Amino acid sequence: MLAGMDRPKRRGRPPTHSLDRWTRVVLAWENRDPYRNPMTLTEFLSQEFGTYADGTPCMSENSFYENRKKVFEELRKNAALQQETGS
């Protein structure tokens, strides 16, 4: 039973884009002005990551929302660390 705990976790597919890239994309989406630039998320992802030959975006909305969670978690951790070191 202990031998099963020592095994490395399954890794899956490595991420295509770094967390820094996703941070820039997520913040650009969150900080956009929807009245001046009425764009859907699909259009925005096509602009940021490109499209396939058939016109579909290279990045799905589901991937965006999954990475958005990771970006916000990372930003919260960084903010907490800065508060601890600043106080």
PDB file of N, CA and C in Angstrom:
ATOM      1  N   MET A   1       0.823  -1.188   0.000  1.00  0.00           N
ATOM      2  CA  MET A   1       0.000   0.000   0.000  1.00  0.00           C
ATOM      3  C   MET A   1       0.873   1.261   0.000  1.00  0.00           C
ATOM      4  N   LEU A   2       1.961   1.265   0.719  1.00  0.00           N
ATOM      5  CA  LEU A   2       2.849   2.419   0.744  1.00  0.00           C
ATOM      6  C   LEU A   2       3.555   2.628  -0.584  1.00  0.00           C
ATOM      7  N   ALA A   3       3.771   1.561  -1.332  1.00  0.00           N
ATOM      8  CA  ALA A   3       4.424   1.690  -2.630  1.00  0.00           C
ATOM      9  C   ALA A   3       3.554   2.509  -3.591  1.00  0.00           C
ATOM     10  N   GLY A   4       2.250   2.394  -3.471  1.00  0.00           N
ATOM     11  CA  GLY A   4       1.339   3.165  -4.317  1.00  0.00           C
ATOM     12  C   GLY A   4       1.376   4.648  -4.014  1.00  0.00           C
ATOM     13  N   MET A   5       1.721   5.001  -2.778  1.00  0.00           N
ATOM     14  CA  MET A   5       1.770   6.412  -2.398  1.00  0.00           C
ATOM     15  C   MET A   5       3.049   7.087  -2.892  1.00  0.00           C
ATOM     16  N   ASP A   6       4.093   6.289  -3.130  1.00  0.00           N
ATOM     17  CA  ASP A   6       5.364   6.849  -3.571  1.00  0.00           C
ATOM     18  C   ASP A   6       5.419   7.130  -5.060  1.00  0.00           C
ATOM     19  N   ARG A   7       4.475   6.615  -5.796  1.00  0.00           N
ATOM     20  CA  ARG A   7       4.471   6.830  -7.246  1.00  0.00           C
ATOM     21  C   ARG A   7       4.187   8.284  -7.571  1.00  0.00           C
ATOM     22  N   PRO A   8       4.791   8.797  -8.636  1.00  0.00           N
ATOM     23  CA  PRO A   8       4.484  10.176  -9.036  1.00  0.00           C
ATOM     24  C   PRO A   8       3.056  10.271  -9.570  1.00  0.00           C
ATOM     25  N   LYS A   9       2.491  11.442  -9.415  1.00  0.00           N
ATOM     26  CA  LYS A   9       1.129  11.664  -9.900  1.00  0.00           C
ATOM     27  C   LYS A   9       1.127  11.677 -11.419  1.00  0.00           C
ATOM     28  N   ARG A  10      -0.014  11.356 -11.980  1.00  0.00           N
ATOM     29  CA  ARG A  10      -0.147  11.429 -13.431  1.00  0.00           C
ATOM     30  C   ARG A  10      -0.069  12.883 -13.850  1.00  0.00           C
ATOM     31  N   ARG A  11       0.628  13.133 -14.883  1.00  0.00           N
ATOM     32  CA  ARG A  11       0.868  14.507 -15.293  1.00  0.00           C
ATOM     33  C   ARG A  11      -0.101  15.000 -16.352  1.00  0.00           C
ATOM     34  N   GLY A  12      -0.469  14.176 -17.293  1.00  0.00           N
ATOM     35  CA  GLY A  12      -1.341  14.627 -18.370  1.00  0.00           C
ATOM     36  C   GLY A  12      -0.565  15.432 -19.391  1.00  0.00           C
ATOM     37  N   ARG A  13      -1.272  16.159 -20.177  1.00  0.00           N
ATOM     38  CA  ARG A  13      -0.659  16.960 -21.229  1.00  0.00           C
ATOM     39  C   ARG A  13      -0.058  18.229 -20.632  1.00  0.00           C
ATOM     40  N   PRO A  14       1.152  18.585 -21.040  1.00  0.00           N
ATOM     41  CA  PRO A  14       1.734  19.825 -20.517  1.00  0.00           C
ATOM     42  C   PRO A  14       0.986  21.043 -21.065  1.00  0.00           C
ATOM     43  N   PRO A  15       0.930  22.125 -20.306  1.00  0.00           N
ATOM     44  CA  PRO A  15       0.199  23.303 -20.775  1.00  0.00           C
ATOM     45  C   PRO A  15       0.839  23.912 -22.018  1.00  0.00           C
ATOM     46  N   THR A  16      -0.007  24.390 -22.908  1.00  0.00           N
ATOM     47  CA  THR A  16       0.459  25.004 -24.144  1.00  0.00           C
ATOM     48  C   THR A  16       1.013  26.399 -23.888  1.00  0.00           C
ATOM     49  N   HIS A  17       0.383  27.131 -22.983  1.00  0.00           N
ATOM     50  CA  HIS A  17       0.777  28.509 -22.686  1.00  0.00           C
ATOM     51  C   HIS A  17       1.135  28.629 -21.211  1.00  0.00           C
ATOM     52  N   SER A  18       2.076  29.505 -20.924  1.00  0.00           N
ATOM     53  CA  SER A  18       2.537  29.676 -19.547  1.00  0.00           C
ATOM     54  C   SER A  18       1.495  30.424 -18.713  1.00  0.00           C
ATOM     55  N   LEU A  19       1.698  30.375 -17.400  1.00  0.00           N
ATOM     56  CA  LEU A  19       0.797  31.085 -16.493  1.00  0.00           C
ATOM     57  C   LEU A  19       0.904  32.593 -16.700  1.00  0.00           C
ATOM     58  N   ASP A  20       2.092  33.080 -17.030  1.00  0.00           N
ATOM     59  CA  ASP A  20       2.250  34.514 -17.299  1.00  0.00           C
ATOM     60  C   ASP A  20       1.411  34.946 -18.495  1.00  0.00           C
ATOM     61  N   ARG A  21       1.422  34.134 -19.549  1.00  0.00           N
ATOM     62  CA  ARG A  21       0.613  34.444 -20.740  1.00  0.00           C
ATOM     63  C   ARG A  21      -0.869  34.454 -20.375  1.00  0.00           C
ATOM     64  N   TRP A  22      -1.296  33.436 -19.602  1.00  0.00           N
ATOM     65  CA  TRP A  22      -2.698  33.380 -19.204  1.00  0.00           C
ATOM     66  C   TRP A  22      -3.065  34.546 -18.302  1.00  0.00           C
ATOM     67  N   THR A  23      -2.140  34.968 -17.461  1.00  0.00           N
ATOM     68  CA  THR A  23      -2.410  36.108 -16.583  1.00  0.00           C
ATOM     69  C   THR A  23      -2.677  37.354 -17.415  1.00  0.00           C
ATOM     70  N   ARG A  24      -1.858  37.597 -18.420  1.00  0.00           N
ATOM     71  CA  ARG A  24      -2.076  38.765 -19.294  1.00  0.00           C
ATOM     72  C   ARG A  24      -3.415  38.681 -20.019  1.00  0.00           C
ATOM     73  N   VAL A  25      -3.755  37.492 -20.524  1.00  0.00           N
ATOM     74  CA  VAL A  25      -5.009  37.319 -21.272  1.00  0.00           C
ATOM     75  C   VAL A  25      -6.217  37.496 -20.349  1.00  0.00           C
ATOM     76  N   VAL A  26      -6.182  36.876 -19.183  1.00  0.00           N
ATOM     77  CA  VAL A  26      -7.316  36.969 -18.249  1.00  0.00           C
ATOM     78  C   VAL A  26      -7.505  38.405 -17.786  1.00  0.00           C
ATOM     79  N   LEU A  27      -6.420  39.087 -17.441  1.00  0.00           N
ATOM     80  CA  LEU A  27      -6.549  40.473 -16.990  1.00  0.00           C
ATOM     81  C   LEU A  27      -7.027  41.388 -18.117  1.00  0.00           C
ATOM     82  N   ALA A  28      -6.603  41.122 -19.338  1.00  0.00           N
ATOM     83  CA  ALA A  28      -7.087  41.916 -20.478  1.00  0.00           C
ATOM     84  C   ALA A  28      -8.600  41.724 -20.656  1.00  0.00           C
ATOM     85  N   TRP A  29      -9.072  40.493 -20.486  1.00  0.00           N
ATOM     86  CA  TRP A  29     -10.509  40.224 -20.622  1.00  0.00           C
ATOM     87  C   TRP A  29     -11.294  40.868 -19.481  1.00  0.00           C
ATOM     88  N   GLU A  30     -10.792  40.749 -18.271  1.00  0.00           N
ATOM     89  CA  GLU A  30     -11.500  41.280 -17.112  1.00  0.00           C
ATOM     90  C   GLU A  30     -11.507  42.810 -17.091  1.00  0.00           C
ATOM     91  N   ASN A  31     -10.462  43.442 -17.612  1.00  0.00           N
ATOM     92  CA  ASN A  31     -10.346  44.896 -17.557  1.00  0.00           C
ATOM     93  C   ASN A  31     -10.860  45.604 -18.815  1.00  0.00           C
ATOM     94  N   ARG A  32     -11.414  44.857 -19.744  1.00  0.00           N
ATOM     95  CA  ARG A  32     -11.904  45.489 -20.975  1.00  0.00           C
ATOM     96  C   ARG A  32     -13.168  46.296 -20.685  1.00  0.00           C
ATOM     97  N   ASP A  33     -13.453  47.228 -21.543  1.00  0.00           N
ATOM     98  CA  ASP A  33     -14.672  48.035 -21.418  1.00  0.00           C
ATOM     99  C   ASP A  33     -15.712  47.441 -22.365  1.00  0.00           C
ATOM    100  N   PRO A  34     -16.739  46.761 -21.854  1.00  0.00           N
ATOM    101  CA  PRO A  34     -17.692  46.089 -22.737  1.00  0.00           C
ATOM    102  C   PRO A  34     -18.547  47.045 -23.572  1.00  0.00           C
ATOM    103  N   TYR A  35     -18.601  48.319 -23.184  1.00  0.00           N
ATOM    104  CA  TYR A  35     -19.398  49.270 -23.962  1.00  0.00           C
ATOM    105  C   TYR A  35     -18.619  49.807 -25.156  1.00  0.00           C
ATOM    106  N   ARG A  36     -17.333  50.036 -24.969  1.00  0.00           N
ATOM    107  CA  ARG A  36     -16.502  50.516 -26.072  1.00  0.00           C
ATOM    108  C   ARG A  36     -16.059  49.395 -26.997  1.00  0.00           C
ATOM    109  N   ASN A  37     -15.906  48.211 -26.439  1.00  0.00           N
ATOM    110  CA  ASN A  37     -15.426  47.083 -27.214  1.00  0.00           C
ATOM    111  C   ASN A  37     -16.333  45.877 -26.979  1.00  0.00           C
ATOM    112  N   PRO A  38     -17.521  45.878 -27.606  1.00  0.00           N
ATOM    113  CA  PRO A  38     -18.453  44.758 -27.393  1.00  0.00           C
ATOM    114  C   PRO A  38     -17.968  43.518 -28.154  1.00  0.00           C
ATOM    115  N   MET A  39     -17.269  42.649 -27.453  1.00  0.00           N
ATOM    116  CA  MET A  39     -16.676  41.465 -28.064  1.00  0.00           C
ATOM    117  C   MET A  39     -17.057  40.254 -27.223  1.00  0.00           C
ATOM    118  N   THR A  40     -17.366  39.158 -27.890  1.00  0.00           N
ATOM    119  CA  THR A  40     -17.656  37.935 -27.153  1.00  0.00           C
ATOM    120  C   THR A  40     -16.342  37.283 -26.729  1.00  0.00           C
ATOM    121  N   LEU A  41     -16.438  36.366 -25.788  1.00  0.00           N
ATOM    122  CA  LEU A  41     -15.248  35.669 -25.322  1.00  0.00           C
ATOM    123  C   LEU A  41     -14.620  34.857 -26.453  1.00  0.00           C
ATOM    124  N   THR A  42     -15.439  34.257 -27.293  1.00  0.00           N
ATOM    125  CA  THR A  42     -14.930  33.480 -28.424  1.00  0.00           C
ATOM    126  C   THR A  42     -14.130  34.364 -29.372  1.00  0.00           C
ATOM    127  N   GLU A  43     -14.639  35.557 -29.661  1.00  0.00           N
ATOM    128  CA  GLU A  43     -13.912  36.494 -30.524  1.00  0.00           C
ATOM    129  C   GLU A  43     -12.602  36.935 -29.874  1.00  0.00           C
ATOM    130  N   PHE A  44     -12.640  37.174 -28.578  1.00  0.00           N
ATOM    131  CA  PHE A  44     -11.448  37.594 -27.865  1.00  0.00           C
ATOM    132  C   PHE A  44     -10.381  36.498 -27.882  1.00  0.00           C
ATOM    133  N   LEU A  45     -10.791  35.251 -27.639  1.00  0.00           N
ATOM    134  CA  LEU A  45      -9.843  34.141 -27.660  1.00  0.00           C
ATOM    135  C   LEU A  45      -9.272  33.926 -29.052  1.00  0.00           C
ATOM    136  N   SER A  46     -10.089  34.137 -30.081  1.00  0.00           N
ATOM    137  CA  SER A  46      -9.588  34.032 -31.452  1.00  0.00           C
ATOM    138  C   SER A  46      -8.544  35.097 -31.726  1.00  0.00           C
ATOM    139  N   GLN A  47      -8.763  36.283 -31.213  1.00  0.00           N
ATOM    140  CA  GLN A  47      -7.819  37.384 -31.403  1.00  0.00           C
ATOM    141  C   GLN A  47      -6.508  37.108 -30.656  1.00  0.00           C
ATOM    142  N   GLU A  48      -6.589  36.558 -29.452  1.00  0.00           N
ATOM    143  CA  GLU A  48      -5.402  36.329 -28.627  1.00  0.00           C
ATOM    144  C   GLU A  48      -4.603  35.100 -29.046  1.00  0.00           C
ATOM    145  N   PHE A  49      -5.297  33.998 -29.364  1.00  0.00           N
ATOM    146  CA  PHE A  49      -4.626  32.735 -29.611  1.00  0.00           C
ATOM    147  C   PHE A  49      -4.698  32.263 -31.059  1.00  0.00           C
ATOM    148  N   GLY A  50      -5.468  32.954 -31.891  1.00  0.00           N
ATOM    149  CA  GLY A  50      -5.584  32.558 -33.282  1.00  0.00           C
ATOM    150  C   GLY A  50      -6.726  31.584 -33.507  1.00  0.00           C
ATOM    151  N   THR A  51      -6.906  31.219 -34.772  1.00  0.00           N
ATOM    152  CA  THR A  51      -7.980  30.296 -35.136  1.00  0.00           C
ATOM    153  C   THR A  51      -7.421  29.170 -35.991  1.00  0.00           C
ATOM    154  N   TYR A  52      -8.170  28.073 -36.024  1.00  0.00           N
ATOM    155  CA  TYR A  52      -7.836  26.964 -36.915  1.00  0.00           C
ATOM    156  C   TYR A  52      -8.312  27.309 -38.316  1.00  0.00           C
ATOM    157  N   ALA A  53      -8.016  26.454 -39.271  1.00  0.00           N
ATOM    158  CA  ALA A  53      -8.375  26.704 -40.670  1.00  0.00           C
ATOM    159  C   ALA A  53      -9.884  26.811 -40.872  1.00  0.00           C
ATOM    160  N   ASP A  54     -10.665  26.115 -40.046  1.00  0.00           N
ATOM    161  CA  ASP A  54     -12.121  26.168 -40.197  1.00  0.00           C
ATOM    162  C   ASP A  54     -12.751  27.358 -39.489  1.00  0.00           C
ATOM    163  N   GLY A  55     -11.929  28.187 -38.817  1.00  0.00           N
ATOM    164  CA  GLY A  55     -12.434  29.389 -38.179  1.00  0.00           C
ATOM    165  C   GLY A  55     -12.719  29.263 -36.701  1.00  0.00           C
ATOM    166  N   THR A  56     -12.577  28.082 -36.133  1.00  0.00           N
ATOM    167  CA  THR A  56     -12.797  27.922 -34.703  1.00  0.00           C
ATOM    168  C   THR A  56     -11.568  28.400 -33.935  1.00  0.00           C
ATOM    169  N   PRO A  57     -11.775  28.952 -32.735  1.00  0.00           N
ATOM    170  CA  PRO A  57     -10.625  29.439 -31.962  1.00  0.00           C
ATOM    171  C   PRO A  57      -9.718  28.289 -31.527  1.00  0.00           C
ATOM    172  N   CYS A  58      -8.433  28.562 -31.424  1.00  0.00           N
ATOM    173  CA  CYS A  58      -7.468  27.546 -30.976  1.00  0.00           C
ATOM    174  C   CYS A  58      -7.621  27.244 -29.489  1.00  0.00           C
ATOM    175  N   MET A  59      -8.240  28.143 -28.746  1.00  0.00           N
ATOM    176  CA  MET A  59      -8.430  27.946 -27.313  1.00  0.00           C
ATOM    177  C   MET A  59      -9.924  27.974 -27.020  1.00  0.00           C
ATOM    178  N   SER A  60     -10.404  27.003 -26.249  1.00  0.00           N
ATOM    179  CA  SER A  60     -11.836  26.928 -25.945  1.00  0.00           C
ATOM    180  C   SER A  60     -12.188  27.802 -24.750  1.00  0.00           C
ATOM    181  N   GLU A  61     -13.467  28.088 -24.622  1.00  0.00           N
ATOM    182  CA  GLU A  61     -13.948  28.867 -23.478  1.00  0.00           C
ATOM    183  C   GLU A  61     -13.743  28.090 -22.185  1.00  0.00           C
ATOM    184  N   ASN A  62     -13.893  26.765 -22.230  1.00  0.00           N
ATOM    185  CA  ASN A  62     -13.673  25.955 -21.028  1.00  0.00           C
ATOM    186  C   ASN A  62     -12.239  26.081 -20.543  1.00  0.00           C
ATOM    187  N   SER A  63     -11.284  26.057 -21.469  1.00  0.00           N
ATOM    188  CA  SER A  63      -9.873  26.224 -21.091  1.00  0.00           C
ATOM    189  C   SER A  63      -9.646  27.597 -20.482  1.00  0.00           C
ATOM    190  N   PHE A  64     -10.309  28.601 -21.042  1.00  0.00           N
ATOM    191  CA  PHE A  64     -10.176  29.951 -20.500  1.00  0.00           C
ATOM    192  C   PHE A  64     -10.642  29.995 -19.046  1.00  0.00           C
ATOM    193  N   TYR A  65     -11.816  29.429 -18.772  1.00  0.00           N
ATOM    194  CA  TYR A  65     -12.362  29.489 -17.420  1.00  0.00           C
ATOM    195  C   TYR A  65     -11.540  28.657 -16.441  1.00  0.00           C
ATOM    196  N   GLU A  66     -10.999  27.515 -16.878  1.00  0.00           N
ATOM    197  CA  GLU A  66     -10.131  26.718 -16.008  1.00  0.00           C
ATOM    198  C   GLU A  66      -8.869  27.496 -15.661  1.00  0.00           C
ATOM    199  N   ASN A  67      -8.264  28.114 -16.659  1.00  0.00           N
ATOM    200  CA  ASN A  67      -7.045  28.879 -16.427  1.00  0.00           C
ATOM    201  C   ASN A  67      -7.328  30.173 -15.679  1.00  0.00           C
ATOM    202  N   ARG A  68      -8.518  30.710 -15.829  1.00  0.00           N
ATOM    203  CA  ARG A  68      -8.908  31.914 -15.096  1.00  0.00           C
ATOM    204  C   ARG A  68      -8.905  31.630 -13.595  1.00  0.00           C
ATOM    205  N   LYS A  69      -9.418  30.443 -13.212  1.00  0.00           N
ATOM    206  CA  LYS A  69      -9.400  30.047 -11.801  1.00  0.00           C
ATOM    207  C   LYS A  69      -7.964  29.982 -11.285  1.00  0.00           C
ATOM    208  N   LYS A  70      -7.077  29.368 -12.076  1.00  0.00           N
ATOM    209  CA  LYS A  70      -5.679  29.241 -11.671  1.00  0.00           C
ATOM    210  C   LYS A  70      -5.020  30.611 -11.527  1.00  0.00           C
ATOM    211  N   VAL A  71      -5.312  31.515 -12.450  1.00  0.00           N
ATOM    212  CA  VAL A  71      -4.727  32.858 -12.404  1.00  0.00           C
ATOM    213  C   VAL A  71      -5.196  33.594 -11.157  1.00  0.00           C
ATOM    214  N   PHE A  72      -6.495  33.535 -10.854  1.00  0.00           N
ATOM    215  CA  PHE A  72      -7.008  34.225  -9.673  1.00  0.00           C
ATOM    216  C   PHE A  72      -6.446  33.630  -8.383  1.00  0.00           C
ATOM    217  N   GLU A  73      -6.284  32.303  -8.340  1.00  0.00           N
ATOM    218  CA  GLU A  73      -5.679  31.672  -7.166  1.00  0.00           C
ATOM    219  C   GLU A  73      -4.245  32.166  -6.988  1.00  0.00           C
ATOM    220  N   GLU A  74      -3.493  32.240  -8.074  1.00  0.00           N
ATOM    221  CA  GLU A  74      -2.112  32.697  -8.016  1.00  0.00           C
ATOM    222  C   GLU A  74      -2.036  34.165  -7.594  1.00  0.00           C
ATOM    223  N   LEU A  75      -2.940  34.990  -8.106  1.00  0.00           N
ATOM    224  CA  LEU A  75      -2.958  36.401  -7.722  1.00  0.00           C
ATOM    225  C   LEU A  75      -3.307  36.565  -6.245  1.00  0.00           C
ATOM    226  N   ARG A  76      -4.236  35.744  -5.737  1.00  0.00           N
ATOM    227  CA  ARG A  76      -4.585  35.796  -4.317  1.00  0.00           C
ATOM    228  C   ARG A  76      -3.396  35.385  -3.442  1.00  0.00           C
ATOM    229  N   LYS A  77      -2.685  34.326  -3.872  1.00  0.00           N
ATOM    230  CA  LYS A  77      -1.510  33.884  -3.113  1.00  0.00           C
ATOM    231  C   LYS A  77      -0.445  34.976  -3.087  1.00  0.00           C
ATOM    232  N   ASN A  78      -0.186  35.602  -4.231  1.00  0.00           N
ATOM    233  CA  ASN A  78       0.813  36.665  -4.298  1.00  0.00           C
ATOM    234  C   ASN A  78       0.412  37.857  -3.445  1.00  0.00           C
ATOM    235  N   ALA A  79      -0.867  38.206  -3.445  1.00  0.00           N
ATOM    236  CA  ALA A  79      -1.340  39.324  -2.636  1.00  0.00           C
ATOM    237  C   ALA A  79      -1.189  39.002  -1.143  1.00  0.00           C
ATOM    238  N   ALA A  80      -1.477  37.781  -0.760  1.00  0.00           N
ATOM    239  CA  ALA A  80      -1.338  37.373   0.641  1.00  0.00           C
ATOM    240  C   ALA A  80       0.133  37.408   1.068  1.00  0.00           C
ATOM    241  N   LEU A  81       1.016  36.950   0.198  1.00  0.00           N
ATOM    242  CA  LEU A  81       2.449  36.989   0.508  1.00  0.00           C
ATOM    243  C   LEU A  81       2.961  38.418   0.636  1.00  0.00           C
ATOM    244  N   GLN A  82       2.471  39.298  -0.219  1.00  0.00           N
ATOM    245  CA  GLN A  82       2.902  40.704  -0.144  1.00  0.00           C
ATOM    246  C   GLN A  82       2.394  41.358   1.137  1.00  0.00           C
ATOM    247  N   GLN A  83       1.188  40.995   1.572  1.00  0.00           N
ATOM    248  CA  GLN A  83       0.661  41.551   2.829  1.00  0.00           C
ATOM    249  C   GLN A  83       1.479  41.073   4.017  1.00  0.00           C
ATOM    250  N   GLU A  84       1.876  39.799   3.986  1.00  0.00           N
ATOM    251  CA  GLU A  84       2.661  39.260   5.098  1.00  0.00           C
ATOM    252  C   GLU A  84       4.036  39.893   5.165  1.00  0.00           C
ATOM    253  N   THR A  85       4.675  40.107   4.023  1.00  0.00           N
ATOM    254  CA  THR A  85       6.004  40.703   4.018  1.00  0.00           C
ATOM    255  C   THR A  85       5.958  42.203   4.235  1.00  0.00           C
ATOM    256  N   GLY A  86       4.862  42.850   3.824  1.00  0.00           N
ATOM    257  CA  GLY A  86       4.721  44.293   3.985  1.00  0.00           C
ATOM    258  C   GLY A  86       4.325  44.712   5.374  1.00  0.00           C
ATOM    259  N   SER A  87       3.636  43.860   6.091  1.00  0.00           N
ATOM    260  CA  SER A  87       3.160  44.219   7.432  1.00  0.00           C
ATOM    261  C   SER A  87       4.177  43.937   8.494  1.00  0.00           C
TER     262      SER A  87
END
